[in-house]
Amino acid sequence: MEMSNIAYLSITPLYIALLGILFLPFTLRVGLYRVKNDISIGDGQDEELIKRNRGQGNFIETVPLAVILILLMELLGASGSWLHALGVLLVGGRLLHYLGITGLGPSLCRPIGMFATLSIYLVSPAWILINFIV
């Protein structure tokens, strides 16, 4: 990839920035809870900290590959419609999943959010393979 291709990125950076902003409160909720409850290492078998850790951890586990897939689609020439649909699905899905897993929202948010993220893992590679091979 030539460095000049970076100039063609006009959509994916928006969603990467939004995900970065979304990650801040997820991380702060863990760190501040640790300080408040004097839990430096591990989870102290504290149920609330376990939920907060999993909310943050699941974000870290799922977002990078999804972002790479969407970014690759943009570099390969995917339309704005595809990129915005997947970007909204990722940001919304990660927010819903976090709300569900941490108990800040209805538990139904968790599977909906995970389904949204898994949809990206299905659609993006299929789009890439079809457009790369053809």
N, C-alpha and C. Protein backbone atom coordinates (compact mmCIF):
# COMPACT_ATOMS: atom_id res chain seq x y z
N MET A 1 0.85 -1.18 0.00
CA MET A 1 0.00 0.00 0.00
C MET A 1 0.88 1.23 0.00
N GLU A 2 0.61 2.14 -0.88
CA GLU A 2 1.33 3.40 -0.91
C GLU A 2 0.77 4.31 0.17
N MET A 3 1.61 5.15 0.71
CA MET A 3 1.16 6.10 1.72
C MET A 3 0.12 7.06 1.17
N SER A 4 0.13 7.28 -0.14
CA SER A 4 -0.85 8.20 -0.72
C SER A 4 -2.27 7.67 -0.59
N ASN A 5 -2.44 6.38 -0.38
CA ASN A 5 -3.78 5.81 -0.19
C ASN A 5 -4.45 6.36 1.05
N ILE A 6 -3.67 6.78 2.03
CA ILE A 6 -4.22 7.32 3.26
C ILE A 6 -5.09 8.54 2.97
N ALA A 7 -4.72 9.30 1.96
CA ALA A 7 -5.49 10.49 1.60
C ALA A 7 -6.90 10.13 1.14
N TYR A 8 -7.12 8.89 0.73
CA TYR A 8 -8.42 8.46 0.25
C TYR A 8 -9.37 8.04 1.37
N LEU A 9 -8.88 7.98 2.57
CA LEU A 9 -9.72 7.59 3.70
C LEU A 9 -10.58 8.77 4.13
N SER A 10 -11.85 8.68 3.83
CA SER A 10 -12.73 9.80 4.17
C SER A 10 -13.87 9.40 5.10
N ILE A 11 -14.06 8.12 5.32
CA ILE A 11 -15.19 7.66 6.13
C ILE A 11 -14.74 6.89 7.37
N THR A 12 -13.86 5.93 7.19
CA THR A 12 -13.44 5.09 8.30
C THR A 12 -12.84 5.89 9.46
N PRO A 13 -12.04 6.93 9.21
CA PRO A 13 -11.50 7.69 10.35
C PRO A 13 -12.59 8.26 11.27
N LEU A 14 -13.73 8.61 10.71
CA LEU A 14 -14.83 9.12 11.53
C LEU A 14 -15.24 8.07 12.57
N TYR A 15 -15.41 6.83 12.13
CA TYR A 15 -15.87 5.78 13.03
C TYR A 15 -14.77 5.35 14.00
N ILE A 16 -13.52 5.39 13.55
CA ILE A 16 -12.41 5.10 14.46
C ILE A 16 -12.38 6.15 15.57
N ALA A 17 -12.58 7.41 15.21
CA ALA A 17 -12.60 8.48 16.22
C ALA A 17 -13.76 8.29 17.19
N LEU A 18 -14.95 7.97 16.67
CA LEU A 18 -16.10 7.75 17.54
C LEU A 18 -15.87 6.59 18.50
N LEU A 19 -15.26 5.52 18.00
CA LEU A 19 -14.96 4.38 18.86
C LEU A 19 -13.91 4.74 19.91
N GLY A 20 -12.95 5.57 19.54
CA GLY A 20 -11.97 6.04 20.51
C GLY A 20 -12.61 6.85 21.61
N ILE A 21 -13.54 7.71 21.23
CA ILE A 21 -14.27 8.51 22.22
C ILE A 21 -15.13 7.61 23.12
N LEU A 22 -15.77 6.62 22.51
CA LEU A 22 -16.62 5.69 23.26
C LEU A 22 -15.80 4.89 24.27
N PHE A 23 -14.55 4.58 23.90
CA PHE A 23 -13.70 3.78 24.78
C PHE A 23 -13.30 4.54 26.05
N LEU A 24 -13.24 5.85 25.98
CA LEU A 24 -12.83 6.63 27.16
C LEU A 24 -13.71 6.39 28.38
N PRO A 25 -15.03 6.56 28.30
CA PRO A 25 -15.83 6.31 29.50
C PRO A 25 -15.79 4.84 29.95
N PHE A 26 -15.65 3.92 29.00
CA PHE A 26 -15.55 2.50 29.38
C PHE A 26 -14.32 2.29 30.26
N THR A 27 -13.22 2.90 29.87
CA THR A 27 -11.97 2.75 30.61
C THR A 27 -12.02 3.52 31.93
N LEU A 28 -12.55 4.73 31.89
CA LEU A 28 -12.65 5.53 33.11
C LEU A 28 -13.54 4.87 34.15
N ARG A 29 -14.62 4.22 33.71
CA ARG A 29 -15.50 3.56 34.66
C ARG A 29 -14.77 2.43 35.40
N VAL A 30 -13.85 1.76 34.72
CA VAL A 30 -13.07 0.72 35.38
C VAL A 30 -12.06 1.35 36.34
N GLY A 31 -11.29 2.29 35.83
CA GLY A 31 -10.23 2.89 36.64
C GLY A 31 -10.75 3.61 37.87
N LEU A 32 -11.79 4.40 37.70
CA LEU A 32 -12.33 5.13 38.85
C LEU A 32 -12.94 4.19 39.88
N TYR A 33 -13.58 3.12 39.40
CA TYR A 33 -14.14 2.14 40.33
C TYR A 33 -13.03 1.46 41.12
N ARG A 34 -11.92 1.14 40.45
CA ARG A 34 -10.78 0.52 41.12
C ARG A 34 -10.25 1.43 42.23
N VAL A 35 -10.09 2.72 41.91
CA VAL A 35 -9.58 3.67 42.89
C VAL A 35 -10.54 3.79 44.07
N LYS A 36 -11.82 3.97 43.76
CA LYS A 36 -12.83 4.16 44.80
C LYS A 36 -12.90 2.97 45.75
N ASN A 37 -12.71 1.76 45.20
CA ASN A 37 -12.86 0.54 45.99
C ASN A 37 -11.53 -0.11 46.35
N ASP A 38 -10.44 0.60 46.09
CA ASP A 38 -9.09 0.14 46.43
C ASP A 38 -8.82 -1.28 45.91
N ILE A 39 -9.11 -1.48 44.61
CA ILE A 39 -8.83 -2.76 43.96
C ILE A 39 -7.79 -2.47 42.88
N SER A 40 -6.55 -2.74 43.21
CA SER A 40 -5.44 -2.37 42.32
C SER A 40 -5.22 -3.41 41.21
N ILE A 41 -5.18 -4.67 41.60
CA ILE A 41 -4.88 -5.76 40.66
C ILE A 41 -6.04 -6.76 40.68
N GLY A 42 -6.33 -7.32 39.52
CA GLY A 42 -7.40 -8.32 39.44
C GLY A 42 -8.77 -7.68 39.61
N ASP A 43 -9.73 -8.50 40.03
CA ASP A 43 -11.10 -7.98 40.16
C ASP A 43 -11.61 -8.00 41.60
N GLY A 44 -10.79 -8.52 42.53
CA GLY A 44 -11.21 -8.54 43.94
C GLY A 44 -12.52 -9.29 44.16
N GLN A 45 -12.91 -10.12 43.21
CA GLN A 45 -14.19 -10.84 43.25
C GLN A 45 -15.37 -9.88 43.44
N ASP A 46 -15.19 -8.68 42.93
CA ASP A 46 -16.22 -7.64 43.00
C ASP A 46 -17.07 -7.75 41.72
N GLU A 47 -18.33 -8.10 41.88
CA GLU A 47 -19.21 -8.33 40.72
C GLU A 47 -19.32 -7.12 39.81
N GLU A 48 -19.39 -5.94 40.39
CA GLU A 48 -19.50 -4.73 39.58
C GLU A 48 -18.23 -4.50 38.77
N LEU A 49 -17.08 -4.72 39.37
CA LEU A 49 -15.82 -4.54 38.64
C LEU A 49 -15.69 -5.60 37.55
N ILE A 50 -16.13 -6.79 37.82
CA ILE A 50 -16.09 -7.86 36.81
C ILE A 50 -16.91 -7.44 35.59
N LYS A 51 -18.11 -6.90 35.80
CA LYS A 51 -18.95 -6.45 34.68
C LYS A 51 -18.28 -5.31 33.92
N ARG A 52 -17.72 -4.36 34.65
CA ARG A 52 -17.06 -3.23 34.00
C ARG A 52 -15.84 -3.69 33.21
N ASN A 53 -15.06 -4.61 33.80
CA ASN A 53 -13.90 -5.16 33.10
C ASN A 53 -14.30 -5.87 31.81
N ARG A 54 -15.37 -6.65 31.89
CA ARG A 54 -15.80 -7.40 30.70
C ARG A 54 -16.34 -6.45 29.64
N GLY A 55 -17.02 -5.40 30.05
CA GLY A 55 -17.50 -4.42 29.07
C GLY A 55 -16.35 -3.79 28.32
N GLN A 56 -15.34 -3.37 29.06
CA GLN A 56 -14.16 -2.76 28.44
C GLN A 56 -13.38 -3.81 27.65
N GLY A 57 -13.19 -4.98 28.24
CA GLY A 57 -12.41 -6.03 27.59
C GLY A 57 -13.03 -6.51 26.31
N ASN A 58 -14.34 -6.68 26.29
CA ASN A 58 -15.00 -7.14 25.08
C ASN A 58 -14.85 -6.11 23.97
N PHE A 59 -14.90 -4.84 24.32
CA PHE A 59 -14.68 -3.77 23.34
C PHE A 59 -13.29 -3.94 22.71
N ILE A 60 -12.28 -4.11 23.55
CA ILE A 60 -10.90 -4.26 23.09
C ILE A 60 -10.73 -5.53 22.25
N GLU A 61 -11.46 -6.58 22.59
CA GLU A 61 -11.33 -7.84 21.87
C GLU A 61 -11.99 -7.81 20.49
N THR A 62 -13.02 -7.01 20.33
CA THR A 62 -13.79 -7.08 19.09
C THR A 62 -13.59 -5.91 18.13
N VAL A 63 -13.29 -4.74 18.64
CA VAL A 63 -13.21 -3.55 17.79
C VAL A 63 -12.04 -3.55 16.82
N PRO A 64 -10.82 -3.91 17.24
CA PRO A 64 -9.70 -3.77 16.30
C PRO A 64 -9.87 -4.51 14.97
N LEU A 65 -10.26 -5.77 15.00
CA LEU A 65 -10.42 -6.51 13.74
C LEU A 65 -11.56 -5.93 12.91
N ALA A 66 -12.65 -5.56 13.56
CA ALA A 66 -13.77 -4.97 12.82
C ALA A 66 -13.34 -3.68 12.13
N VAL A 67 -12.57 -2.85 12.82
CA VAL A 67 -12.08 -1.61 12.24
C VAL A 67 -11.15 -1.90 11.07
N ILE A 68 -10.28 -2.88 11.22
CA ILE A 68 -9.36 -3.24 10.13
C ILE A 68 -10.15 -3.69 8.90
N LEU A 69 -11.17 -4.49 9.11
CA LEU A 69 -11.98 -4.97 7.98
C LEU A 69 -12.67 -3.81 7.26
N ILE A 70 -13.25 -2.89 8.02
CA ILE A 70 -13.92 -1.74 7.41
C ILE A 70 -12.90 -0.84 6.71
N LEU A 71 -11.77 -0.65 7.33
CA LEU A 71 -10.70 0.16 6.74
C LEU A 71 -10.22 -0.45 5.43
N LEU A 72 -10.05 -1.74 5.41
CA LEU A 72 -9.63 -2.43 4.18
C LEU A 72 -10.69 -2.27 3.09
N MET A 73 -11.94 -2.36 3.48
CA MET A 73 -13.01 -2.14 2.50
C MET A 73 -12.90 -0.75 1.88
N GLU A 74 -12.65 0.25 2.70
CA GLU A 74 -12.53 1.61 2.16
C GLU A 74 -11.34 1.71 1.22
N LEU A 75 -10.22 1.10 1.60
CA LEU A 75 -9.04 1.14 0.73
C LEU A 75 -9.27 0.40 -0.58
N LEU A 76 -10.14 -0.60 -0.55
CA LEU A 76 -10.45 -1.36 -1.77
C LEU A 76 -11.58 -0.72 -2.59
N GLY A 77 -12.11 0.39 -2.11
CA GLY A 77 -13.09 1.13 -2.90
C GLY A 77 -14.55 0.90 -2.57
N ALA A 78 -14.85 0.41 -1.37
CA ALA A 78 -16.25 0.22 -0.99
C ALA A 78 -16.98 1.56 -1.00
N SER A 79 -18.25 1.52 -1.32
CA SER A 79 -19.04 2.75 -1.38
C SER A 79 -19.27 3.30 0.03
N GLY A 80 -19.59 4.57 0.07
CA GLY A 80 -19.89 5.22 1.34
C GLY A 80 -21.05 4.55 2.05
N SER A 81 -22.01 4.06 1.29
CA SER A 81 -23.17 3.39 1.91
C SER A 81 -22.74 2.18 2.72
N TRP A 82 -21.89 1.36 2.12
CA TRP A 82 -21.37 0.18 2.83
C TRP A 82 -20.62 0.60 4.10
N LEU A 83 -19.72 1.56 3.93
CA LEU A 83 -18.85 1.97 5.03
C LEU A 83 -19.63 2.61 6.17
N HIS A 84 -20.58 3.47 5.83
CA HIS A 84 -21.39 4.10 6.88
C HIS A 84 -22.28 3.06 7.57
N ALA A 85 -22.86 2.17 6.80
CA ALA A 85 -23.72 1.14 7.41
C ALA A 85 -22.93 0.30 8.40
N LEU A 86 -21.74 -0.14 8.00
CA LEU A 86 -20.93 -0.97 8.89
C LEU A 86 -20.38 -0.16 10.06
N GLY A 87 -20.01 1.09 9.82
CA GLY A 87 -19.52 1.95 10.89
C GLY A 87 -20.57 2.21 11.95
N VAL A 88 -21.78 2.51 11.51
CA VAL A 88 -22.89 2.74 12.45
C VAL A 88 -23.20 1.44 13.20
N LEU A 89 -23.18 0.33 12.48
CA LEU A 89 -23.43 -0.97 13.10
C LEU A 89 -22.38 -1.26 14.18
N LEU A 90 -21.13 -0.95 13.90
CA LEU A 90 -20.07 -1.21 14.87
C LEU A 90 -20.19 -0.31 16.10
N VAL A 91 -20.32 0.99 15.88
CA VAL A 91 -20.42 1.91 17.01
C VAL A 91 -21.68 1.61 17.83
N GLY A 92 -22.80 1.47 17.16
CA GLY A 92 -24.05 1.16 17.86
C GLY A 92 -24.01 -0.18 18.56
N GLY A 93 -23.45 -1.16 17.87
CA GLY A 93 -23.36 -2.51 18.44
C GLY A 93 -22.49 -2.56 19.67
N ARG A 94 -21.37 -1.86 19.62
CA ARG A 94 -20.48 -1.85 20.78
C ARG A 94 -21.09 -1.10 21.95
N LEU A 95 -21.81 -0.04 21.67
CA LEU A 95 -22.47 0.70 22.75
C LEU A 95 -23.57 -0.16 23.38
N LEU A 96 -24.40 -0.78 22.54
CA LEU A 96 -25.46 -1.63 23.06
C LEU A 96 -24.90 -2.79 23.89
N HIS A 97 -23.86 -3.43 23.37
CA HIS A 97 -23.27 -4.55 24.09
C HIS A 97 -22.76 -4.09 25.45
N TYR A 98 -22.09 -2.96 25.48
CA TYR A 98 -21.56 -2.44 26.74
C TYR A 98 -22.69 -2.17 27.73
N LEU A 99 -23.74 -1.53 27.27
CA LEU A 99 -24.87 -1.23 28.15
C LEU A 99 -25.48 -2.51 28.72
N GLY A 100 -25.58 -3.53 27.88
CA GLY A 100 -26.16 -4.79 28.33
C GLY A 100 -25.28 -5.56 29.28
N ILE A 101 -23.98 -5.63 28.99
CA ILE A 101 -23.08 -6.45 29.80
C ILE A 101 -22.78 -5.80 31.16
N THR A 102 -22.82 -4.48 31.21
CA THR A 102 -22.53 -3.79 32.47
C THR A 102 -23.77 -3.54 33.31
N GLY A 103 -24.94 -3.77 32.75
CA GLY A 103 -26.17 -3.54 33.50
C GLY A 103 -26.66 -2.10 33.44
N LEU A 104 -26.01 -1.26 32.65
CA LEU A 104 -26.46 0.13 32.50
C LEU A 104 -27.72 0.22 31.64
N GLY A 105 -27.98 -0.82 30.88
CA GLY A 105 -29.16 -0.88 30.03
C GLY A 105 -29.80 -2.25 30.15
N PRO A 106 -30.87 -2.47 29.41
CA PRO A 106 -31.53 -3.78 29.46
C PRO A 106 -30.59 -4.89 29.00
N SER A 107 -30.73 -6.07 29.57
CA SER A 107 -29.84 -7.18 29.21
C SER A 107 -29.98 -7.55 27.73
N LEU A 108 -31.11 -7.24 27.12
CA LEU A 108 -31.31 -7.52 25.69
C LEU A 108 -30.32 -6.76 24.81
N CYS A 109 -29.78 -5.66 25.32
CA CYS A 109 -28.80 -4.89 24.55
C CYS A 109 -27.56 -5.72 24.23
N ARG A 110 -27.19 -6.60 25.14
CA ARG A 110 -25.95 -7.37 24.96
C ARG A 110 -26.00 -8.27 23.72
N PRO A 111 -26.99 -9.15 23.57
CA PRO A 111 -26.99 -9.99 22.35
C PRO A 111 -27.21 -9.19 21.07
N ILE A 112 -27.98 -8.12 21.14
CA ILE A 112 -28.18 -7.28 19.96
C ILE A 112 -26.85 -6.66 19.54
N GLY A 113 -26.11 -6.15 20.51
CA GLY A 113 -24.80 -5.57 20.23
C GLY A 113 -23.81 -6.57 19.69
N MET A 114 -23.81 -7.77 20.24
CA MET A 114 -22.89 -8.80 19.75
C MET A 114 -23.28 -9.24 18.35
N PHE A 115 -24.57 -9.36 18.08
CA PHE A 115 -25.03 -9.73 16.74
C PHE A 115 -24.59 -8.67 15.73
N ALA A 116 -24.68 -7.39 16.11
CA ALA A 116 -24.26 -6.32 15.21
C ALA A 116 -22.77 -6.46 14.87
N THR A 117 -21.96 -6.71 15.88
CA THR A 117 -20.52 -6.86 15.65
C THR A 117 -20.22 -8.10 14.83
N LEU A 118 -20.86 -9.20 15.14
CA LEU A 118 -20.62 -10.43 14.37
C LEU A 118 -21.08 -10.27 12.92
N SER A 119 -22.08 -9.43 12.71
CA SER A 119 -22.53 -9.16 11.34
C SER A 119 -21.41 -8.52 10.52
N ILE A 120 -20.65 -7.65 11.16
CA ILE A 120 -19.51 -7.02 10.47
C ILE A 120 -18.48 -8.07 10.12
N TYR A 121 -18.24 -9.02 11.03
CA TYR A 121 -17.29 -10.10 10.77
C TYR A 121 -17.75 -11.03 9.65
N LEU A 122 -19.01 -11.05 9.37
CA LEU A 122 -19.53 -11.86 8.27
C LEU A 122 -19.54 -11.07 6.97
N VAL A 123 -20.09 -9.87 7.00
CA VAL A 123 -20.28 -9.07 5.79
C VAL A 123 -18.96 -8.55 5.22
N SER A 124 -18.11 -8.00 6.07
CA SER A 124 -16.87 -7.39 5.58
C SER A 124 -15.95 -8.38 4.86
N PRO A 125 -15.64 -9.52 5.46
CA PRO A 125 -14.77 -10.45 4.74
C PRO A 125 -15.40 -10.94 3.44
N ALA A 126 -16.72 -11.14 3.44
CA ALA A 126 -17.38 -11.56 2.20
C ALA A 126 -17.23 -10.49 1.13
N TRP A 127 -17.47 -9.22 1.50
CA TRP A 127 -17.32 -8.11 0.55
C TRP A 127 -15.89 -8.05 0.03
N ILE A 128 -14.93 -8.17 0.95
CA ILE A 128 -13.51 -8.10 0.56
C ILE A 128 -13.16 -9.23 -0.41
N LEU A 129 -13.54 -10.44 -0.08
CA LEU A 129 -13.22 -11.57 -0.95
C LEU A 129 -13.88 -11.44 -2.33
N ILE A 130 -15.14 -11.08 -2.33
CA ILE A 130 -15.85 -10.94 -3.61
C ILE A 130 -15.22 -9.85 -4.46
N ASN A 131 -14.90 -8.71 -3.87
CA ASN A 131 -14.36 -7.59 -4.62
C ASN A 131 -12.87 -7.74 -4.92
N PHE A 132 -12.17 -8.50 -4.14
CA PHE A 132 -10.74 -8.71 -4.37
C PHE A 132 -10.52 -9.76 -5.44
N ILE A 133 -11.36 -10.78 -5.45
CA ILE A 133 -11.22 -11.88 -6.42
C ILE A 133 -11.75 -11.48 -7.78
N VAL A 134 -12.88 -10.80 -7.80
CA VAL A 134 -13.53 -10.45 -9.07
C VAL A 134 -12.88 -9.26 -9.73
